[in-house]
Amino acid sequence: MTFSVRLKGEQTAVAIASEMPLLDDEGQVMAVRCPAAGCGALVDLINGRLDRHLVLGRECHTSGVPVMVGED
């Protein structure tokens, strides 16, 4: 499974998930692992964006960025 994350003002970052994302009953992606270096938190997707989450006690810089999920 691959997914891409676009940070504001930056190129799209593509991450490869070693595990399937969490899906709801309709097959929509509910959560993925954060691709940020040093994070890796399991993060909910809210309206196609990574939910706010913390890494090392601070808000992760990928919080709120849009995510596109696809099969590799």
N, C-alpha and C. Protein backbone atom coordinates (compact mmCIF):
# COMPACT_ATOMS: atom_id res chain seq x y z
N MET A 1 0.84 -1.17 0.00
CA MET A 1 0.00 0.00 0.00
C MET A 1 0.89 1.23 0.00
N THR A 2 0.62 2.16 -0.88
CA THR A 2 1.36 3.42 -0.90
C THR A 2 0.38 4.56 -0.67
N PHE A 3 0.89 5.63 -0.09
CA PHE A 3 0.07 6.82 0.01
C PHE A 3 0.96 8.04 -0.11
N SER A 4 0.41 9.11 -0.62
CA SER A 4 1.20 10.33 -0.79
C SER A 4 0.66 11.42 0.11
N VAL A 5 1.56 12.23 0.60
CA VAL A 5 1.22 13.33 1.50
C VAL A 5 1.80 14.59 0.90
N ARG A 6 1.01 15.64 0.81
CA ARG A 6 1.51 16.90 0.27
C ARG A 6 1.53 17.94 1.38
N LEU A 7 2.73 18.36 1.75
CA LEU A 7 2.87 19.42 2.73
C LEU A 7 2.76 20.76 2.02
N LYS A 8 2.19 21.74 2.68
CA LYS A 8 1.99 23.05 2.08
C LYS A 8 3.34 23.62 1.61
N GLY A 9 3.41 23.98 0.34
CA GLY A 9 4.61 24.56 -0.22
C GLY A 9 5.71 23.57 -0.55
N GLU A 10 5.43 22.28 -0.42
CA GLU A 10 6.44 21.26 -0.69
C GLU A 10 5.92 20.27 -1.72
N GLN A 11 6.84 19.47 -2.27
CA GLN A 11 6.45 18.43 -3.20
C GLN A 11 5.73 17.31 -2.44
N THR A 12 4.99 16.52 -3.18
CA THR A 12 4.30 15.39 -2.59
C THR A 12 5.31 14.36 -2.11
N ALA A 13 5.12 13.87 -0.88
CA ALA A 13 5.95 12.81 -0.32
C ALA A 13 5.18 11.50 -0.46
N VAL A 14 5.81 10.47 -0.96
CA VAL A 14 5.16 9.17 -1.11
C VAL A 14 5.70 8.24 -0.04
N ALA A 15 4.80 7.60 0.69
CA ALA A 15 5.20 6.66 1.73
C ALA A 15 4.65 5.28 1.39
N ILE A 16 5.38 4.26 1.74
CA ILE A 16 4.93 2.89 1.55
C ILE A 16 4.58 2.32 2.91
N ALA A 17 3.33 1.91 3.06
CA ALA A 17 2.87 1.36 4.33
C ALA A 17 3.11 -0.14 4.33
N SER A 18 3.76 -0.63 5.38
CA SER A 18 4.05 -2.06 5.47
C SER A 18 2.83 -2.85 5.91
N GLU A 19 1.80 -2.16 6.28
CA GLU A 19 0.58 -2.82 6.71
C GLU A 19 -0.61 -2.14 6.05
N MET A 20 -1.69 -2.85 5.96
CA MET A 20 -2.90 -2.27 5.37
C MET A 20 -3.43 -1.17 6.28
N PRO A 21 -3.94 -0.09 5.70
CA PRO A 21 -4.56 0.94 6.53
C PRO A 21 -5.87 0.41 7.10
N LEU A 22 -6.36 1.06 8.12
CA LEU A 22 -7.64 0.67 8.70
C LEU A 22 -8.77 1.14 7.80
N LEU A 23 -9.68 0.24 7.46
CA LEU A 23 -10.79 0.54 6.58
C LEU A 23 -12.10 0.49 7.33
N ASP A 24 -13.09 1.29 6.88
CA ASP A 24 -14.42 1.21 7.48
C ASP A 24 -15.24 0.16 6.73
N ASP A 25 -16.52 0.05 7.08
CA ASP A 25 -17.39 -0.97 6.48
C ASP A 25 -17.58 -0.78 4.97
N GLU A 26 -17.37 0.44 4.48
CA GLU A 26 -17.55 0.73 3.06
C GLU A 26 -16.23 0.66 2.30
N GLY A 27 -15.14 0.28 2.97
CA GLY A 27 -13.84 0.18 2.31
C GLY A 27 -13.07 1.47 2.23
N GLN A 28 -13.57 2.51 2.88
CA GLN A 28 -12.86 3.79 2.90
C GLN A 28 -11.76 3.75 3.95
N VAL A 29 -10.63 4.38 3.66
CA VAL A 29 -9.51 4.40 4.59
C VAL A 29 -9.84 5.30 5.78
N MET A 30 -9.69 4.75 6.98
CA MET A 30 -9.97 5.50 8.21
C MET A 30 -8.69 6.04 8.85
N ALA A 31 -7.58 5.29 8.75
CA ALA A 31 -6.34 5.68 9.41
C ALA A 31 -5.14 5.06 8.69
N VAL A 32 -4.01 5.76 8.76
CA VAL A 32 -2.75 5.28 8.20
C VAL A 32 -1.63 5.62 9.18
N ARG A 33 -0.47 5.01 8.98
CA ARG A 33 0.71 5.38 9.77
C ARG A 33 1.28 6.68 9.21
N CYS A 34 1.62 7.59 10.08
CA CYS A 34 2.22 8.86 9.67
C CYS A 34 3.56 8.60 9.00
N PRO A 35 3.82 9.21 7.83
CA PRO A 35 5.08 8.98 7.12
C PRO A 35 6.23 9.85 7.60
N ALA A 36 5.98 10.75 8.54
CA ALA A 36 7.04 11.66 8.99
C ALA A 36 8.15 10.89 9.70
N ALA A 37 9.39 11.27 9.42
CA ALA A 37 10.54 10.64 10.06
C ALA A 37 10.45 10.81 11.58
N GLY A 38 10.59 9.72 12.30
CA GLY A 38 10.54 9.76 13.75
C GLY A 38 9.16 9.74 14.34
N CYS A 39 8.12 9.68 13.50
CA CYS A 39 6.76 9.67 14.02
C CYS A 39 6.19 8.25 13.94
N GLY A 40 5.56 7.92 12.82
CA GLY A 40 5.00 6.58 12.65
C GLY A 40 3.72 6.31 13.41
N ALA A 41 3.09 7.36 13.95
CA ALA A 41 1.85 7.19 14.70
C ALA A 41 0.72 6.73 13.78
N LEU A 42 -0.19 5.94 14.31
CA LEU A 42 -1.40 5.57 13.59
C LEU A 42 -2.35 6.76 13.69
N VAL A 43 -2.66 7.37 12.54
CA VAL A 43 -3.38 8.64 12.52
C VAL A 43 -4.69 8.50 11.75
N ASP A 44 -5.77 9.02 12.33
CA ASP A 44 -7.06 9.04 11.66
C ASP A 44 -7.00 9.97 10.46
N LEU A 45 -7.76 9.62 9.41
CA LEU A 45 -7.95 10.51 8.28
C LEU A 45 -9.30 11.19 8.45
N ILE A 46 -9.31 12.49 8.47
CA ILE A 46 -10.53 13.28 8.60
C ILE A 46 -10.68 14.08 7.32
N ASN A 47 -11.72 13.77 6.54
CA ASN A 47 -11.94 14.44 5.26
C ASN A 47 -10.69 14.44 4.38
N GLY A 48 -9.99 13.29 4.35
CA GLY A 48 -8.83 13.14 3.49
C GLY A 48 -7.55 13.77 4.01
N ARG A 49 -7.56 14.23 5.26
CA ARG A 49 -6.37 14.85 5.86
C ARG A 49 -5.96 14.10 7.12
N LEU A 50 -4.64 14.09 7.38
CA LEU A 50 -4.17 13.49 8.62
C LEU A 50 -4.66 14.30 9.81
N ASP A 51 -5.21 13.61 10.80
CA ASP A 51 -5.69 14.27 12.00
C ASP A 51 -4.51 14.83 12.79
N ARG A 52 -4.78 15.78 13.65
CA ARG A 52 -3.75 16.36 14.51
C ARG A 52 -3.18 15.26 15.41
N HIS A 53 -1.85 15.17 15.48
CA HIS A 53 -1.21 14.19 16.35
C HIS A 53 0.15 14.71 16.79
N LEU A 54 0.69 14.08 17.82
CA LEU A 54 1.93 14.54 18.43
C LEU A 54 3.07 13.58 18.18
N VAL A 55 4.28 14.12 18.10
CA VAL A 55 5.50 13.32 18.05
C VAL A 55 6.50 14.01 18.99
N LEU A 56 7.04 13.24 19.91
CA LEU A 56 7.96 13.77 20.91
C LEU A 56 7.38 14.97 21.65
N GLY A 57 6.09 14.91 21.95
CA GLY A 57 5.43 15.95 22.73
C GLY A 57 5.06 17.21 21.98
N ARG A 58 5.33 17.25 20.67
CA ARG A 58 4.98 18.42 19.86
C ARG A 58 4.10 17.99 18.71
N GLU A 59 3.32 18.93 18.19
CA GLU A 59 2.45 18.59 17.07
C GLU A 59 3.30 18.20 15.87
N CYS A 60 2.97 17.06 15.27
CA CYS A 60 3.68 16.57 14.09
C CYS A 60 3.42 17.51 12.92
N HIS A 61 4.45 17.76 12.12
CA HIS A 61 4.30 18.69 10.99
C HIS A 61 3.41 18.16 9.88
N THR A 62 3.03 16.88 9.93
CA THR A 62 2.10 16.37 8.92
C THR A 62 0.64 16.49 9.36
N SER A 63 0.39 16.98 10.56
CA SER A 63 -0.99 17.17 11.02
C SER A 63 -1.74 18.06 10.06
N GLY A 64 -2.89 17.60 9.59
CA GLY A 64 -3.74 18.41 8.72
C GLY A 64 -3.40 18.39 7.25
N VAL A 65 -2.34 17.68 6.84
CA VAL A 65 -2.00 17.69 5.42
C VAL A 65 -2.88 16.68 4.66
N PRO A 66 -3.18 16.95 3.40
CA PRO A 66 -4.01 16.02 2.61
C PRO A 66 -3.25 14.76 2.27
N VAL A 67 -3.99 13.65 2.21
CA VAL A 67 -3.41 12.34 1.94
C VAL A 67 -4.20 11.65 0.83
N MET A 68 -3.48 11.02 -0.10
CA MET A 68 -4.12 10.19 -1.12
C MET A 68 -3.61 8.79 -0.93
N VAL A 69 -4.50 7.82 -0.83
CA VAL A 69 -4.12 6.43 -0.58
C VAL A 69 -4.40 5.61 -1.82
N GLY A 70 -3.47 4.74 -2.21
CA GLY A 70 -3.65 3.86 -3.36
C GLY A 70 -2.91 2.57 -3.15
N GLU A 71 -3.21 1.58 -3.96
CA GLU A 71 -2.53 0.30 -3.86
C GLU A 71 -1.26 0.35 -4.68
N ASP A 72 -0.21 -0.35 -4.18
CA ASP A 72 1.07 -0.34 -4.89
C ASP A 72 1.15 -1.47 -5.88
